[in-house]
């Protein structure tokens, strides 16, 4: 019977619903019991504030009222659900979703090392320790401790980047998109920037080069064609209002076949001859240093030092992709060009905070010390086929012991991720898992909702677990997640 139209003498189903206060008491008891359970899940549930608990009860009562009208529930139906525990189960589900929101540690079993949705590069433990120390207390940030004079917060970053890339100095902002925006706005704001049609890319989150140029107040001048652009195309486009000659990394796609792109060294020479700044948004940030194993796994991604050696005035790249540090956008180049970027008022809105700076400094220092192979993202890309096969075998053995699950090792391919080396696939051994009576989508959903959250791939109605991106301890966490879902 729908709302407000009960037959004479028939109990009103809406009156069978518990009050908000009664619902709160039921939820409070259940969440108090969570304190007795060990583990992260129980502590987060019990920590839900009182006001939020009331909100959850109100939301569930609203949902129940909607069901009464839609499904024509009787008072007896409502009483059965409330007394039978369905109402409490719904409240607990809402509580688990609430407690599980936000930034949380997760297990990456997708095989994508630089997974944008999972935070890209995990930082080195020493970088994490310095980030924590900077966050927990005071730190030397905008002061030279030896002279007691104020300085730039990323002055140390400039020194380290110079040593790593061969550029005169560098600057750090919050991400590579911010670096590209700052570059465009500083050198071509209110003026023209020349860019190849083949490099007018869109990357994740609908970041489109033409839109960014428009927001930066830049008039875009397209040259060449989608597949072929030469330095002469740039030269013909230079006019009295040209402020920037720009190259852009094509990120997550490649044009192959009958192609040609302008040589960066020719653009650098052209810019110097015509008095126009040349810039290169390099994207991925491949750093190669002596004493550290080369990232040959990422194919032909340009090394930053090689980009600087072309003579391009400013080169922008990411700190949290192939470099392996916290989220950052880095720009290296000549002192005058970097000074111009720093003088732009927009830089203040884009600059890094103390925590990211601490992690980035440590990562750059590790690279300079020849310890780059220890950086987690670089180490994960270097994992051998034999090592991955051993990991897959251990996971198969553990899952095969669990009733209701079938697991087997299968040859597969991993990816670097985040638009880095989009055509590169790394050989791996994955674990194909099928759960009896449960679809792959359902199993993947349960794994994501568990503690810890586990992210997987789905292929041909089976869950694929790729050990490539599993960090130390993650195998055990992965298996614990399977144990928890039953």
Protein backbone atom coordinates (compact mmCIF):
# COMPACT_ATOMS: atom_id res chain seq x y z
CA UNK A 1 0.00 0.00 0.00
CA UNK A 2 1.48 3.37 -0.98
CA UNK A 3 2.19 6.19 1.49
CA UNK A 4 -0.83 7.85 3.05
CA UNK A 5 -3.36 5.40 1.53
CA UNK A 6 -3.57 2.55 4.00
CA UNK A 7 -6.89 0.69 4.13
CA UNK A 8 -9.05 1.22 7.18
CA UNK A 9 -7.71 -0.77 10.10
CA UNK A 10 -4.41 -1.57 8.39
CA UNK A 11 -1.28 -0.57 10.32
CA UNK A 12 0.68 2.32 8.89
CA UNK A 13 4.07 0.94 7.68
CA UNK A 14 5.74 4.31 8.23
CA UNK A 15 4.87 4.10 11.94
CA UNK A 16 6.69 0.76 12.08
CA UNK A 17 9.99 2.47 11.31
CA UNK A 18 12.28 3.12 14.27
CA UNK A 19 12.83 6.71 15.35
CA UNK A 20 16.11 8.46 14.67
CA UNK A 21 17.04 8.05 18.34
CA UNK A 22 16.26 4.32 18.29
CA UNK A 23 18.25 3.93 15.08
CA UNK A 24 21.17 5.74 16.69
CA UNK A 25 21.11 3.41 19.68
CA UNK A 26 21.17 0.37 17.38
CA UNK A 27 24.04 1.78 15.34
CA UNK A 28 25.98 2.89 18.42
CA UNK A 29 25.85 -0.59 19.91
CA UNK A 30 27.10 -2.12 16.67
CA UNK A 31 29.91 0.40 16.29
CA UNK A 32 30.92 0.04 19.94
CA UNK A 33 31.33 -3.67 19.27
CA UNK A 34 33.69 -2.74 16.46
CA UNK A 35 36.12 -1.48 19.10
CA UNK A 36 36.54 -5.07 20.24
CA UNK A 37 37.64 -6.14 16.78
CA UNK A 38 41.30 -5.79 15.96
CA UNK A 39 42.38 -4.10 12.79
CA UNK A 40 41.94 -0.91 10.86
CA UNK A 41 38.31 -1.56 9.93
CA UNK A 42 37.12 -1.71 13.53
CA UNK A 43 39.00 1.39 14.66
CA UNK A 44 37.67 3.47 11.78
CA UNK A 45 34.09 2.36 12.35
CA UNK A 46 34.20 3.13 16.06
CA UNK A 47 35.74 6.56 15.31
CA UNK A 48 32.74 7.80 13.28
CA UNK A 49 31.58 11.02 15.06
CA UNK A 50 28.17 11.22 16.76
CA UNK A 51 26.76 13.81 14.34
CA UNK A 52 27.76 11.64 11.36
CA UNK A 53 26.14 8.59 12.96
CA UNK A 54 22.87 10.52 13.23
CA UNK A 55 23.20 11.57 9.59
CA UNK A 56 23.67 7.95 8.51
CA UNK A 57 20.54 6.88 10.40
CA UNK A 58 18.51 9.68 8.84
CA UNK A 59 19.73 8.75 5.36
CA UNK A 60 18.79 5.10 5.85
CA UNK A 61 15.35 6.00 7.23
CA UNK A 62 14.78 8.24 4.18
CA UNK A 63 15.77 5.36 1.92
CA UNK A 64 13.44 3.01 3.82
CA UNK A 65 10.53 5.45 3.45
CA UNK A 66 11.14 5.61 -0.31
CA UNK A 67 11.07 1.80 -0.46
CA UNK A 68 7.79 1.63 1.44
CA UNK A 69 6.14 3.76 -1.21
CA UNK A 70 7.84 2.14 -4.18
CA UNK A 71 7.59 -1.52 -3.12
CA UNK A 72 4.27 -1.16 -1.22
CA UNK A 73 5.74 -2.59 1.97
CA UNK A 74 3.32 -3.38 4.79
CA UNK A 75 3.89 -2.63 8.45
CA UNK A 76 4.64 -6.33 8.95
CA UNK A 77 7.26 -6.19 6.19
CA UNK A 78 8.93 -3.23 7.85
CA UNK A 79 8.87 -4.83 11.29
CA UNK A 80 10.39 -8.02 9.85
CA UNK A 81 13.27 -6.14 8.25
CA UNK A 82 13.95 -4.08 11.36
CA UNK A 83 13.76 -6.99 13.82
CA UNK A 84 15.50 -9.39 11.45
CA UNK A 85 18.62 -7.27 11.19
CA UNK A 86 18.25 -5.96 7.64
CA UNK A 87 17.94 -2.39 8.90
CA UNK A 88 21.08 -2.75 11.01
CA UNK A 89 22.96 -4.35 8.09
CA UNK A 90 22.03 -1.36 5.92
CA UNK A 91 23.22 1.06 8.62
CA UNK A 92 26.52 -0.81 8.96
CA UNK A 93 27.00 -0.76 5.20
CA UNK A 94 26.60 3.01 5.23
CA UNK A 95 29.02 3.24 8.15
CA UNK A 96 31.65 1.16 6.33
CA UNK A 97 31.35 3.31 3.23
CA UNK A 98 31.69 6.45 5.37
CA UNK A 99 34.72 5.07 7.23
CA UNK A 100 36.32 3.90 3.99
CA UNK A 101 36.17 7.23 2.16
CA UNK A 102 39.19 9.43 1.52
CA UNK A 103 42.89 8.74 1.07
CA UNK A 104 43.66 5.22 2.27
CA UNK A 105 46.48 2.74 1.89
CA UNK A 106 45.64 0.23 -0.86
CA UNK A 107 47.06 -2.84 -2.58
CA UNK A 108 47.76 -2.31 -6.27
CA UNK A 109 47.31 -5.68 -7.99
CA UNK A 110 46.57 -4.14 -11.40
CA UNK A 111 50.15 -4.35 -12.63
CA UNK A 112 50.10 -0.64 -13.55
CA UNK A 113 53.08 0.77 -11.67
CA UNK A 114 52.28 4.48 -12.03
CA UNK A 115 48.54 4.18 -11.47
CA UNK A 116 47.11 7.71 -11.44
CA UNK A 117 43.99 6.69 -9.52
CA UNK A 118 46.11 4.94 -6.89
CA UNK A 119 48.55 7.79 -6.26
CA UNK A 120 51.17 7.11 -8.94
CA UNK A 121 54.67 6.53 -7.58
CA UNK A 122 55.08 5.25 -4.01
CA UNK A 123 57.99 7.14 -2.48
CA UNK A 124 61.17 5.68 -1.00
CA UNK A 125 60.99 4.97 2.77
CA UNK A 126 63.62 7.64 3.44
CA UNK A 127 61.57 10.18 1.49
CA UNK A 128 58.46 9.15 3.42
CA UNK A 129 60.31 9.57 6.73
CA UNK A 130 61.44 13.08 5.84
CA UNK A 131 57.94 13.98 4.65
CA UNK A 132 56.53 12.83 7.97
CA UNK A 133 59.15 14.78 9.94
CA UNK A 134 58.35 17.95 7.97
CA UNK A 135 54.62 17.46 8.54
CA UNK A 136 54.86 16.76 12.27
CA UNK A 137 56.98 19.73 13.29
CA UNK A 138 58.78 22.88 12.29
CA UNK A 139 61.31 22.69 9.49
CA UNK A 140 63.80 24.85 7.65
CA UNK A 141 61.76 26.09 4.71
CA UNK A 142 62.27 29.67 3.55
CA UNK A 143 65.46 30.49 5.42
CA UNK A 144 69.15 29.81 4.95
CA UNK A 145 70.00 28.34 8.35
CA UNK A 146 73.67 29.36 8.03
CA UNK A 147 73.15 33.04 7.19
CA UNK A 148 69.69 33.46 8.79
CA UNK A 149 68.55 35.17 5.60
CA UNK A 150 65.27 34.43 3.87
CA UNK A 151 65.58 32.42 0.67
CA UNK A 152 63.38 30.54 -1.80
CA UNK A 153 61.70 27.43 -0.43
CA UNK A 154 62.77 25.34 -3.41
CA UNK A 155 66.32 26.73 -3.66
CA UNK A 156 67.75 23.31 -2.74
CA UNK A 157 65.58 21.70 -5.44
CA UNK A 158 67.15 24.04 -8.01
CA UNK A 159 70.66 22.92 -7.00
CA UNK A 160 69.76 19.22 -7.10
CA UNK A 161 68.00 19.52 -10.45
CA UNK A 162 71.00 21.30 -11.90
CA UNK A 163 73.27 18.44 -10.84
CA UNK A 164 70.90 15.81 -12.22
CA UNK A 165 69.97 17.39 -15.55
CA UNK A 166 72.81 19.72 -16.51
CA UNK A 167 70.50 22.75 -16.52
CA UNK A 168 71.56 25.94 -14.78
CA UNK A 169 68.77 25.71 -12.22
CA UNK A 170 65.18 24.61 -11.69
CA UNK A 171 61.90 25.29 -9.97
CA UNK A 172 59.14 23.09 -8.50
CA UNK A 173 55.36 23.46 -8.59
CA UNK A 174 52.47 21.18 -7.62
CA UNK A 175 52.27 19.05 -10.79
CA UNK A 176 53.36 18.93 -14.43
CA UNK A 177 50.08 20.48 -15.58
CA UNK A 178 50.86 23.44 -13.32
CA UNK A 179 54.39 23.58 -14.73
CA UNK A 180 53.04 23.72 -18.30
CA UNK A 181 50.52 26.40 -17.35
CA UNK A 182 53.17 28.52 -15.62
CA UNK A 183 55.47 28.18 -18.63
CA UNK A 184 52.75 29.21 -21.08
CA UNK A 185 51.48 32.11 -19.02
CA UNK A 186 54.91 33.51 -18.18
CA UNK A 187 56.35 33.57 -21.68
CA UNK A 188 53.24 33.88 -23.86
CA UNK A 189 50.51 35.37 -21.67
CA UNK A 190 48.71 37.97 -23.81
CA UNK A 191 50.82 36.85 -26.75
CA UNK A 192 51.15 33.87 -29.11
CA UNK A 193 52.54 30.37 -28.57
CA UNK A 194 53.40 28.18 -31.55
CA UNK A 195 52.67 24.44 -31.17
CA UNK A 196 52.41 21.46 -33.51
CA UNK A 197 48.95 20.16 -34.41
CA UNK A 198 50.21 16.68 -33.60
CA UNK A 199 50.88 17.71 -30.00
CA UNK A 200 47.52 19.27 -29.07
CA UNK A 201 46.89 16.47 -26.64
CA UNK A 202 44.29 15.68 -24.03
CA UNK A 203 45.46 13.72 -21.00
CA UNK A 204 43.60 12.40 -17.94
CA UNK A 205 41.01 14.63 -16.32
CA UNK A 206 40.25 16.42 -19.62
CA UNK A 207 43.50 18.41 -19.49
CA UNK A 208 43.65 19.78 -23.05
CA UNK A 209 46.59 21.84 -24.28
CA UNK A 210 44.37 24.31 -26.23
CA UNK A 211 42.15 24.87 -23.18
CA UNK A 212 45.14 25.41 -20.90
CA UNK A 213 46.61 27.91 -23.33
CA UNK A 214 43.32 29.78 -23.42
CA UNK A 215 43.19 29.90 -19.60
CA UNK A 216 46.77 31.16 -19.58
CA UNK A 217 45.75 34.03 -21.85
CA UNK A 218 47.79 32.62 -24.73
CA UNK A 219 46.77 32.82 -28.39
CA UNK A 220 47.58 29.42 -29.84
CA UNK A 221 49.14 29.20 -33.30
CA UNK A 222 48.92 25.68 -34.76
CA UNK A 223 51.55 24.53 -37.25
CA UNK A 224 52.23 21.41 -39.28
CA UNK A 225 49.82 18.49 -39.51
CA UNK A 226 48.69 15.74 -37.18
CA UNK A 227 51.45 13.40 -38.32
CA UNK A 228 54.20 15.69 -39.69
CA UNK A 229 55.62 18.94 -38.34
CA UNK A 230 59.02 20.48 -39.08
CA UNK A 231 61.04 23.31 -37.59
CA UNK A 232 60.37 25.36 -40.72
CA UNK A 233 56.66 25.29 -39.85
CA UNK A 234 57.49 26.98 -36.55
CA UNK A 235 59.77 29.46 -38.31
CA UNK A 236 57.05 30.55 -40.73
CA UNK A 237 54.63 31.12 -37.84
CA UNK A 238 56.90 33.45 -35.83
CA UNK A 239 55.66 37.02 -35.77
CA UNK A 240 56.14 40.15 -33.68
CA UNK A 241 53.74 38.77 -31.03
CA UNK A 242 55.25 35.30 -30.66
CA UNK A 243 56.31 34.58 -27.07
CA UNK A 244 56.87 30.83 -27.01
CA UNK A 245 57.83 27.94 -29.31
CA UNK A 246 56.45 24.86 -27.58
CA UNK A 247 56.82 21.09 -27.79
CA UNK A 248 54.43 18.82 -25.87
CA UNK A 249 54.85 15.18 -24.87
CA UNK A 250 52.04 13.15 -26.45
CA UNK A 251 51.51 11.30 -23.16
CA UNK A 252 49.17 8.31 -23.53
CA UNK A 253 49.20 7.85 -27.31
CA UNK A 254 51.60 7.62 -30.24
CA UNK A 255 51.22 8.46 -33.94
CA UNK A 256 53.20 5.89 -35.94
CA UNK A 257 53.97 5.36 -39.59
CA UNK A 258 54.45 8.34 -41.92
CA UNK A 259 55.45 10.81 -39.19
CA UNK A 260 57.92 13.58 -38.47
CA UNK A 261 58.31 16.01 -35.60
CA UNK A 262 60.35 19.17 -35.22
CA UNK A 263 63.84 18.54 -33.88
CA UNK A 264 64.09 20.17 -30.42
CA UNK A 265 67.62 21.43 -31.09
CA UNK A 266 66.38 23.18 -34.23
CA UNK A 267 63.59 24.82 -32.23
CA UNK A 268 66.14 25.92 -29.61
CA UNK A 269 68.38 27.42 -32.29
CA UNK A 270 65.41 29.07 -33.99
CA UNK A 271 64.20 30.56 -30.73
CA UNK A 272 67.59 32.04 -29.91
CA UNK A 273 67.95 33.49 -33.40
CA UNK A 274 64.53 35.13 -33.27
CA UNK A 275 64.51 36.09 -29.59
CA UNK A 276 61.65 33.74 -28.68
CA UNK A 277 61.64 31.40 -25.67
CA UNK A 278 61.54 27.67 -26.50
CA UNK A 279 59.82 25.26 -24.10
CA UNK A 280 59.31 21.52 -23.91
CA UNK A 281 56.62 19.87 -21.80
CA UNK A 282 58.40 16.54 -21.48
CA UNK A 283 55.79 14.88 -19.28
CA UNK A 284 57.18 11.68 -17.82
CA UNK A 285 60.52 12.83 -16.35
CA UNK A 286 62.95 10.06 -17.17
CA UNK A 287 66.15 10.58 -15.18
CA UNK A 288 69.23 8.46 -15.87
CA UNK A 289 72.29 8.74 -13.62
CA UNK A 290 75.55 6.85 -13.29
CA UNK A 291 75.40 4.05 -10.76
CA UNK A 292 71.64 3.54 -11.14
CA UNK A 293 70.17 0.91 -13.40
CA UNK A 294 68.74 2.45 -16.56
CA UNK A 295 64.97 2.57 -17.15
CA UNK A 296 65.21 0.72 -20.46
CA UNK A 297 61.77 -0.73 -19.67
CA UNK A 298 60.11 2.54 -20.69
CA UNK A 299 61.32 2.43 -24.27
CA UNK A 300 62.20 5.65 -26.05
CA UNK A 301 61.02 8.13 -23.40
CA UNK A 302 63.33 11.16 -23.61
CA UNK A 303 65.90 11.51 -20.83
CA UNK A 304 65.63 14.95 -19.18
CA UNK A 305 69.39 15.61 -19.44
CA UNK A 306 69.21 14.90 -23.19
CA UNK A 307 66.29 17.33 -23.51
CA UNK A 308 68.29 20.03 -21.70
CA UNK A 309 71.30 19.35 -23.95
CA UNK A 310 69.27 20.30 -27.03
CA UNK A 311 69.44 23.92 -25.89
CA UNK A 312 65.70 24.29 -25.26
CA UNK A 313 65.26 27.21 -22.84
CA UNK A 314 62.91 25.50 -20.37
CA UNK A 315 62.00 21.82 -19.93
CA UNK A 316 59.05 20.76 -17.77
CA UNK A 317 58.51 17.24 -16.43
CA UNK A 318 56.78 15.30 -13.68
CA UNK A 319 58.28 14.46 -10.30
CA UNK A 320 55.87 11.63 -9.56
CA UNK A 321 56.06 9.55 -12.73
CA UNK A 322 59.34 8.04 -13.91
CA UNK A 323 61.38 10.12 -11.47
CA UNK A 324 59.62 8.31 -8.62
CA UNK A 325 58.99 11.09 -6.10
CA UNK A 326 55.93 12.82 -4.62
CA UNK A 327 53.54 14.74 -6.85
CA UNK A 328 55.38 17.68 -8.42
CA UNK A 329 55.93 19.54 -11.65
CA UNK A 330 59.55 20.45 -12.30
CA UNK A 331 60.96 23.03 -14.71
CA UNK A 332 64.66 23.29 -15.50
CA UNK A 333 66.50 25.75 -17.70
CA UNK A 334 68.59 28.92 -17.76
CA UNK A 335 68.72 31.20 -14.74
CA UNK A 336 66.97 34.09 -16.46
CA UNK A 337 64.12 31.90 -17.67
CA UNK A 338 63.64 30.30 -14.24
CA UNK A 339 63.80 33.75 -12.60
CA UNK A 340 60.98 34.87 -14.90
CA UNK A 341 58.87 31.88 -13.88
CA UNK A 342 59.51 32.53 -10.20
CA UNK A 343 58.59 36.22 -10.60
CA UNK A 344 55.18 35.35 -12.02
CA UNK A 345 52.55 35.87 -9.25
CA UNK A 346 50.90 32.62 -10.35
CA UNK A 347 53.94 30.71 -9.12
CA UNK A 348 52.89 31.36 -5.52
CA UNK A 349 49.57 29.65 -6.18
CA UNK A 350 51.32 26.62 -7.67
CA UNK A 351 54.34 26.15 -5.40
CA UNK A 352 54.94 23.02 -3.34
CA UNK A 353 54.32 22.75 0.38
CA UNK A 354 56.98 21.69 2.88
CA UNK A 355 55.94 18.02 2.91
CA UNK A 356 56.22 17.52 -0.85
CA UNK A 357 59.48 19.48 -0.93
CA UNK A 358 61.01 17.23 1.74
CA UNK A 359 60.09 14.10 -0.20
CA UNK A 360 61.24 15.52 -3.51
CA UNK A 361 64.60 16.65 -2.13
CA UNK A 362 65.21 13.17 -0.71
CA UNK A 363 64.27 11.47 -3.99
CA UNK A 364 66.63 13.70 -5.99
CA UNK A 365 69.41 13.08 -3.46
CA UNK A 366 68.91 9.31 -3.78
CA UNK A 367 69.25 9.57 -7.55
CA UNK A 368 72.40 11.65 -7.27
CA UNK A 369 73.86 9.12 -4.81
CA UNK A 370 73.41 6.33 -7.37
CA UNK A 371 70.58 4.79 -5.34
CA UNK A 372 67.85 5.35 -7.90
CA UNK A 373 67.26 1.60 -8.24
CA UNK A 374 65.96 1.63 -4.66
CA UNK A 375 63.15 4.04 -5.56
CA UNK A 376 59.99 1.89 -5.48
CA UNK A 377 58.50 2.71 -8.90
CA UNK A 378 61.85 2.16 -10.64
CA UNK A 379 62.42 -1.09 -8.74
CA UNK A 380 58.95 -2.39 -9.63
CA UNK A 381 59.55 -1.77 -13.33
CA UNK A 382 62.82 -3.72 -13.07
CA UNK A 383 61.20 -6.82 -11.52
CA UNK A 384 62.28 -9.92 -13.44
CA UNK A 385 59.96 -12.43 -15.04
CA UNK A 386 61.30 -15.12 -12.70
CA UNK A 387 60.59 -13.00 -9.61
CA UNK A 388 57.05 -12.24 -10.81
CA UNK A 389 56.40 -15.90 -11.60
CA UNK A 390 57.49 -16.88 -8.07
CA UNK A 391 55.14 -14.32 -6.55
CA UNK A 392 52.26 -15.53 -8.73
CA UNK A 393 52.96 -19.12 -7.73
CA UNK A 394 52.76 -18.29 -4.02
CA UNK A 395 49.45 -16.48 -4.52
CA UNK A 396 48.00 -19.38 -6.54
CA UNK A 397 49.03 -21.89 -3.88
CA UNK A 398 47.39 -19.83 -1.13
CA UNK A 399 44.14 -19.16 -3.00
CA UNK A 400 43.76 -22.74 -4.20
CA UNK A 401 43.52 -23.82 -0.56
CA UNK A 402 40.45 -21.66 -0.08
CA UNK A 403 37.10 -23.31 -0.89
CA UNK A 404 35.12 -21.56 -3.59
CA UNK A 405 38.14 -20.08 -5.37
CA UNK A 406 40.01 -21.33 -8.42
CA UNK A 407 43.37 -19.76 -9.26
CA UNK A 408 45.98 -20.30 -11.97
CA UNK A 409 49.12 -18.49 -13.16
CA UNK A 410 48.87 -17.05 -16.68
CA UNK A 411 51.30 -15.03 -18.86
CA UNK A 412 50.29 -11.36 -19.05
CA UNK A 413 51.58 -7.83 -19.66
CA UNK A 414 52.05 -4.94 -17.22
CA UNK A 415 52.31 -1.22 -18.04
CA UNK A 416 54.38 1.67 -16.64
CA UNK A 417 51.20 3.82 -16.51
CA UNK A 418 50.23 7.51 -16.21
CA UNK A 419 50.92 8.20 -19.89
CA UNK A 420 54.56 7.15 -19.55
CA UNK A 421 55.66 4.91 -22.45
CA UNK A 422 52.08 4.19 -23.62
CA UNK A 423 53.18 1.61 -26.18
CA UNK A 424 55.43 -0.31 -23.75
CA UNK A 425 54.17 -3.54 -22.18
CA UNK A 426 56.23 -5.42 -19.59
CA UNK A 427 56.05 -9.25 -19.44
CA UNK A 428 54.61 -10.59 -16.20
CA UNK A 429 52.85 -13.59 -14.70
CA UNK A 430 49.38 -12.82 -13.40
CA UNK A 431 47.01 -14.90 -11.27
CA UNK A 432 43.61 -15.62 -12.85
CA UNK A 433 40.98 -16.01 -10.11
CA UNK A 434 37.42 -17.29 -10.48
CA UNK A 435 35.04 -17.36 -7.50
CA UNK A 436 32.28 -19.97 -7.45
CA UNK A 437 28.83 -18.38 -7.72
CA UNK A 438 30.24 -14.87 -7.99
CA UNK A 439 30.97 -12.72 -11.06
CA UNK A 440 34.36 -11.13 -11.59
CA UNK A 441 32.77 -7.68 -11.17
CA UNK A 442 31.27 -8.73 -7.82
CA UNK A 443 34.58 -10.16 -6.58
CA UNK A 444 36.48 -7.05 -7.67
CA UNK A 445 33.89 -4.84 -5.94
CA UNK A 446 34.22 -6.80 -2.67
CA UNK A 447 38.01 -6.55 -2.82
CA UNK A 448 37.87 -2.79 -3.34
CA UNK A 449 35.46 -2.37 -0.42
CA UNK A 450 37.56 -4.47 1.97
CA UNK A 451 40.37 -3.54 4.33
CA UNK A 452 42.83 -3.04 2.85
CA UNK A 453 41.23 -2.05 -0.45
CA UNK A 454 42.60 -4.23 -3.27
CA UNK A 455 42.47 -3.10 -6.90
CA UNK A 456 42.62 -5.68 -9.69
CA UNK A 457 42.06 -6.12 -13.42
CA UNK A 458 39.11 -7.95 -14.96
CA UNK A 459 39.51 -10.03 -18.11
CA UNK A 460 37.06 -12.52 -19.64
CA UNK A 461 34.92 -12.68 -16.48
CA UNK A 462 37.87 -13.45 -14.26
CA UNK A 463 39.86 -11.35 -11.82
CA UNK A 464 43.53 -10.88 -12.72
CA UNK A 465 46.07 -10.23 -9.97
CA UNK A 466 49.33 -8.88 -11.38
CA UNK A 467 52.18 -8.97 -8.80
CA UNK A 468 54.28 -6.37 -10.69
CA UNK A 469 53.21 -3.44 -8.45
CA UNK A 470 53.03 -5.34 -5.15
CA UNK A 471 55.22 -3.66 -2.54
CA UNK A 472 56.91 -5.50 0.37
CA UNK A 473 54.18 -6.97 2.57
CA UNK A 474 51.47 -6.60 -0.08
CA UNK A 475 51.25 -10.33 -0.85
CA UNK A 476 50.17 -10.97 2.73
CA UNK A 477 47.73 -8.03 2.64
CA UNK A 478 46.27 -9.32 -0.63
CA UNK A 479 45.65 -12.77 0.78
CA UNK A 480 44.20 -11.29 3.99
CA UNK A 481 41.74 -9.36 1.86
CA UNK A 482 40.59 -12.59 0.21
CA UNK A 483 40.23 -14.22 3.63
CA UNK A 484 38.08 -11.31 4.83
CA UNK A 485 35.55 -11.52 2.00
CA UNK A 486 34.93 -15.22 2.53
